[in-house]
């Protein structure tokens, strides 16, 4: 049996440390729509809302529908700050994206900006990689 969409959304909010307003902004949905899903304990949502939630949160439609997701497909959990960076990047045109990529490469080439060791799973608010 599929889990209700409001439960799935609550789990995502908890795992990714997101508030209703964050999800609304990330998914380009009215705050009242997201809040209504949770407060009315909706079992399902309109297709357009599901698409926006899926794209904005980086989860599959199957997952939003409460279906068990195939473990062969790997997913990465992002925190709020990482989501904000992704949304900013997605709003850029190709020239802006090229400039952002170049600047990121420039920053990463400076040893002082890099971590000594890769960040461990679960540290500093990161969720585990599935």
C-alpha atoms as a PDB file:
ATOM      1  CA  UNK A   1       0.000   0.000   0.000  1.00  0.00           C
ATOM      2  CA  UNK A   2       1.239   3.480  -0.880  1.00  0.00           C
ATOM      3  CA  UNK A   3       1.974   6.033   1.815  1.00  0.00           C
ATOM      4  CA  UNK A   4      -0.042   9.261   1.725  1.00  0.00           C
ATOM      5  CA  UNK A   5       1.713  12.166   0.021  1.00  0.00           C
ATOM      6  CA  UNK A   6       1.553  14.320   3.154  1.00  0.00           C
ATOM      7  CA  UNK A   7       3.543  11.670   5.068  1.00  0.00           C
ATOM      8  CA  UNK A   8       6.135  11.472   2.312  1.00  0.00           C
ATOM      9  CA  UNK A   9       6.387  15.272   2.304  1.00  0.00           C
ATOM     10  CA  UNK A  10       6.754  15.390   6.096  1.00  0.00           C
ATOM     11  CA  UNK A  11       9.581  12.837   5.894  1.00  0.00           C
ATOM     12  CA  UNK A  12      11.366  14.860   3.214  1.00  0.00           C
ATOM     13  CA  UNK A  13      10.989  18.030   5.288  1.00  0.00           C
ATOM     14  CA  UNK A  14      12.466  16.294   8.311  1.00  0.00           C
ATOM     15  CA  UNK A  15      15.352  14.651   6.438  1.00  0.00           C
ATOM     16  CA  UNK A  16      16.301  17.784   4.513  1.00  0.00           C
ATOM     17  CA  UNK A  17      15.577  20.280   7.291  1.00  0.00           C
ATOM     18  CA  UNK A  18      13.050  22.160   5.157  1.00  0.00           C
ATOM     19  CA  UNK A  19      10.055  24.231   6.192  1.00  0.00           C
ATOM     20  CA  UNK A  20       6.802  24.664   4.284  1.00  0.00           C
ATOM     21  CA  UNK A  21       8.006  28.041   2.984  1.00  0.00           C
ATOM     22  CA  UNK A  22      11.277  26.477   1.773  1.00  0.00           C
ATOM     23  CA  UNK A  23       9.463  23.771  -0.165  1.00  0.00           C
ATOM     24  CA  UNK A  24       7.039  26.285  -1.646  1.00  0.00           C
ATOM     25  CA  UNK A  25       9.908  28.450  -2.881  1.00  0.00           C
ATOM     26  CA  UNK A  26      12.048  25.567  -4.148  1.00  0.00           C
ATOM     27  CA  UNK A  27       9.102  23.977  -5.972  1.00  0.00           C
ATOM     28  CA  UNK A  28       7.564  27.234  -7.223  1.00  0.00           C
ATOM     29  CA  UNK A  29       4.273  26.507  -5.464  1.00  0.00           C
ATOM     30  CA  UNK A  30       2.076  28.728  -3.319  1.00  0.00           C
ATOM     31  CA  UNK A  31       2.818  28.408   0.381  1.00  0.00           C
ATOM     32  CA  UNK A  32      -0.863  27.617   0.944  1.00  0.00           C
ATOM     33  CA  UNK A  33      -0.677  24.615  -1.401  1.00  0.00           C
ATOM     34  CA  UNK A  34       2.191  22.988   0.469  1.00  0.00           C
ATOM     35  CA  UNK A  35       0.721  23.851   3.871  1.00  0.00           C
ATOM     36  CA  UNK A  36      -2.661  22.460   2.762  1.00  0.00           C
ATOM     37  CA  UNK A  37      -1.153  19.113   1.749  1.00  0.00           C
ATOM     38  CA  UNK A  38       0.156  18.667   5.266  1.00  0.00           C
ATOM     39  CA  UNK A  39      -2.640  20.168   7.363  1.00  0.00           C
ATOM     40  CA  UNK A  40      -5.404  18.415   5.407  1.00  0.00           C
ATOM     41  CA  UNK A  41      -3.373  15.190   5.437  1.00  0.00           C
ATOM     42  CA  UNK A  42      -3.816  14.736   1.701  1.00  0.00           C
ATOM     43  CA  UNK A  43      -3.355  11.245   0.335  1.00  0.00           C
ATOM     44  CA  UNK A  44      -2.698  12.525  -3.181  1.00  0.00           C
ATOM     45  CA  UNK A  45      -2.135  15.766  -5.072  1.00  0.00           C
ATOM     46  CA  UNK A  46      -2.840  17.128  -8.542  1.00  0.00           C
ATOM     47  CA  UNK A  47      -0.423  16.007 -11.239  1.00  0.00           C
ATOM     48  CA  UNK A  48       1.014  19.520 -11.754  1.00  0.00           C
ATOM     49  CA  UNK A  49       1.711  19.831  -8.015  1.00  0.00           C
ATOM     50  CA  UNK A  50       3.343  16.388  -8.011  1.00  0.00           C
ATOM     51  CA  UNK A  51       5.584  17.370 -10.947  1.00  0.00           C
ATOM     52  CA  UNK A  52       6.679  20.571  -9.226  1.00  0.00           C
ATOM     53  CA  UNK A  53       7.376  18.788  -5.945  1.00  0.00           C
ATOM     54  CA  UNK A  54       9.299  16.074  -7.761  1.00  0.00           C
ATOM     55  CA  UNK A  55      11.463  18.515  -9.728  1.00  0.00           C
ATOM     56  CA  UNK A  56      12.032  20.931  -6.879  1.00  0.00           C
ATOM     57  CA  UNK A  57      12.850  18.341  -4.245  1.00  0.00           C
ATOM     58  CA  UNK A  58      14.776  16.053  -6.568  1.00  0.00           C
ATOM     59  CA  UNK A  59      12.653  13.004  -5.827  1.00  0.00           C
ATOM     60  CA  UNK A  60      10.827  10.666  -8.174  1.00  0.00           C
ATOM     61  CA  UNK A  61       7.089  10.756  -8.729  1.00  0.00           C
ATOM     62  CA  UNK A  62       7.030   7.176  -7.475  1.00  0.00           C
ATOM     63  CA  UNK A  63       8.583   8.247  -4.193  1.00  0.00           C
ATOM     64  CA  UNK A  64       6.073  11.100  -3.821  1.00  0.00           C
ATOM     65  CA  UNK A  65       3.327   8.586  -4.459  1.00  0.00           C
ATOM     66  CA  UNK A  66       4.635   6.558  -1.532  1.00  0.00           C
ATOM     67  CA  UNK A  67       5.883   3.679  -3.637  1.00  0.00           C
ATOM     68  CA  UNK A  68       9.019   1.782  -2.732  1.00  0.00           C
ATOM     69  CA  UNK A  69      11.798   3.158  -4.901  1.00  0.00           C
ATOM     70  CA  UNK A  70      14.160   0.747  -6.617  1.00  0.00           C
ATOM     71  CA  UNK A  71      17.452   0.727  -4.698  1.00  0.00           C
ATOM     72  CA  UNK A  72      19.403   0.406  -7.943  1.00  0.00           C
ATOM     73  CA  UNK A  73      18.716   4.082  -8.542  1.00  0.00           C
ATOM     74  CA  UNK A  74      20.937   6.029  -6.199  1.00  0.00           C
ATOM     75  CA  UNK A  75      19.711   9.247  -4.659  1.00  0.00           C
ATOM     76  CA  UNK A  76      21.603  11.963  -2.849  1.00  0.00           C
ATOM     77  CA  UNK A  77      20.094  13.899   0.027  1.00  0.00           C
ATOM     78  CA  UNK A  78      20.831  17.623   0.009  1.00  0.00           C
ATOM     79  CA  UNK A  79      20.579  20.145   2.799  1.00  0.00           C
ATOM     80  CA  UNK A  80      18.859  23.529   2.482  1.00  0.00           C
ATOM     81  CA  UNK A  81      22.053  25.397   1.548  1.00  0.00           C
ATOM     82  CA  UNK A  82      22.834  22.955  -1.260  1.00  0.00           C
ATOM     83  CA  UNK A  83      19.272  23.256  -2.575  1.00  0.00           C
ATOM     84  CA  UNK A  84      19.592  27.036  -2.621  1.00  0.00           C
ATOM     85  CA  UNK A  85      22.795  26.788  -4.666  1.00  0.00           C
ATOM     86  CA  UNK A  86      21.172  24.406  -7.126  1.00  0.00           C
ATOM     87  CA  UNK A  87      18.106  26.620  -7.578  1.00  0.00           C
ATOM     88  CA  UNK A  88      20.330  29.667  -8.179  1.00  0.00           C
ATOM     89  CA  UNK A  89      22.375  27.717 -10.725  1.00  0.00           C
ATOM     90  CA  UNK A  90      19.231  26.515 -12.502  1.00  0.00           C
ATOM     91  CA  UNK A  91      18.020  30.109 -12.833  1.00  0.00           C
ATOM     92  CA  UNK A  92      21.128  31.127 -14.815  1.00  0.00           C
ATOM     93  CA  UNK A  93      21.342  31.210 -18.599  1.00  0.00           C
ATOM     94  CA  UNK A  94      24.098  29.196 -20.332  1.00  0.00           C
ATOM     95  CA  UNK A  95      26.614  32.051 -20.099  1.00  0.00           C
ATOM     96  CA  UNK A  96      25.955  32.406 -16.386  1.00  0.00           C
ATOM     97  CA  UNK A  97      26.290  28.651 -15.888  1.00  0.00           C
ATOM     98  CA  UNK A  98      29.613  28.675 -17.760  1.00  0.00           C
ATOM     99  CA  UNK A  99      30.855  31.515 -15.545  1.00  0.00           C
ATOM    100  CA  UNK A 100      29.699  29.716 -12.409  1.00  0.00           C
ATOM    101  CA  UNK A 101      31.447  26.513 -13.520  1.00  0.00           C
ATOM    102  CA  UNK A 102      34.670  28.433 -14.200  1.00  0.00           C
ATOM    103  CA  UNK A 103      34.532  30.175 -10.838  1.00  0.00           C
ATOM    104  CA  UNK A 104      33.854  26.895  -9.040  1.00  0.00           C
ATOM    105  CA  UNK A 105      36.886  25.345 -10.760  1.00  0.00           C
ATOM    106  CA  UNK A 106      38.967  28.389  -9.769  1.00  0.00           C
ATOM    107  CA  UNK A 107      37.913  28.065  -6.113  1.00  0.00           C
ATOM    108  CA  UNK A 108      38.556  24.317  -6.048  1.00  0.00           C
ATOM    109  CA  UNK A 109      42.045  24.765  -7.512  1.00  0.00           C
ATOM    110  CA  UNK A 110      43.000  26.789  -4.423  1.00  0.00           C
ATOM    111  CA  UNK A 111      44.160  24.310  -1.775  1.00  0.00           C
ATOM    112  CA  UNK A 112      42.982  26.594   1.048  1.00  0.00           C
ATOM    113  CA  UNK A 113      39.354  26.192  -0.079  1.00  0.00           C
ATOM    114  CA  UNK A 114      39.317  22.398  -0.072  1.00  0.00           C
ATOM    115  CA  UNK A 115      38.641  20.041   2.792  1.00  0.00           C
ATOM    116  CA  UNK A 116      41.549  17.949   3.965  1.00  0.00           C
ATOM    117  CA  UNK A 117      39.341  14.861   3.833  1.00  0.00           C
ATOM    118  CA  UNK A 118      35.969  14.245   2.197  1.00  0.00           C
ATOM    119  CA  UNK A 119      33.066  15.031   4.498  1.00  0.00           C
ATOM    120  CA  UNK A 120      31.756  11.990   6.311  1.00  0.00           C
ATOM    121  CA  UNK A 121      28.162  10.961   5.810  1.00  0.00           C
ATOM    122  CA  UNK A 122      25.927  12.431   8.484  1.00  0.00           C
ATOM    123  CA  UNK A 123      28.269  15.300   9.409  1.00  0.00           C
ATOM    124  CA  UNK A 124      27.181  18.945   9.465  1.00  0.00           C
ATOM    125  CA  UNK A 125      23.551  18.290   8.633  1.00  0.00           C
ATOM    126  CA  UNK A 126      24.214  16.051   5.655  1.00  0.00           C
ATOM    127  CA  UNK A 127      21.896  13.173   5.041  1.00  0.00           C
ATOM    128  CA  UNK A 128      23.183   9.806   4.035  1.00  0.00           C
ATOM    129  CA  UNK A 129      23.699   8.909   0.410  1.00  0.00           C
ATOM    130  CA  UNK A 130      21.377   6.096  -0.574  1.00  0.00           C
END
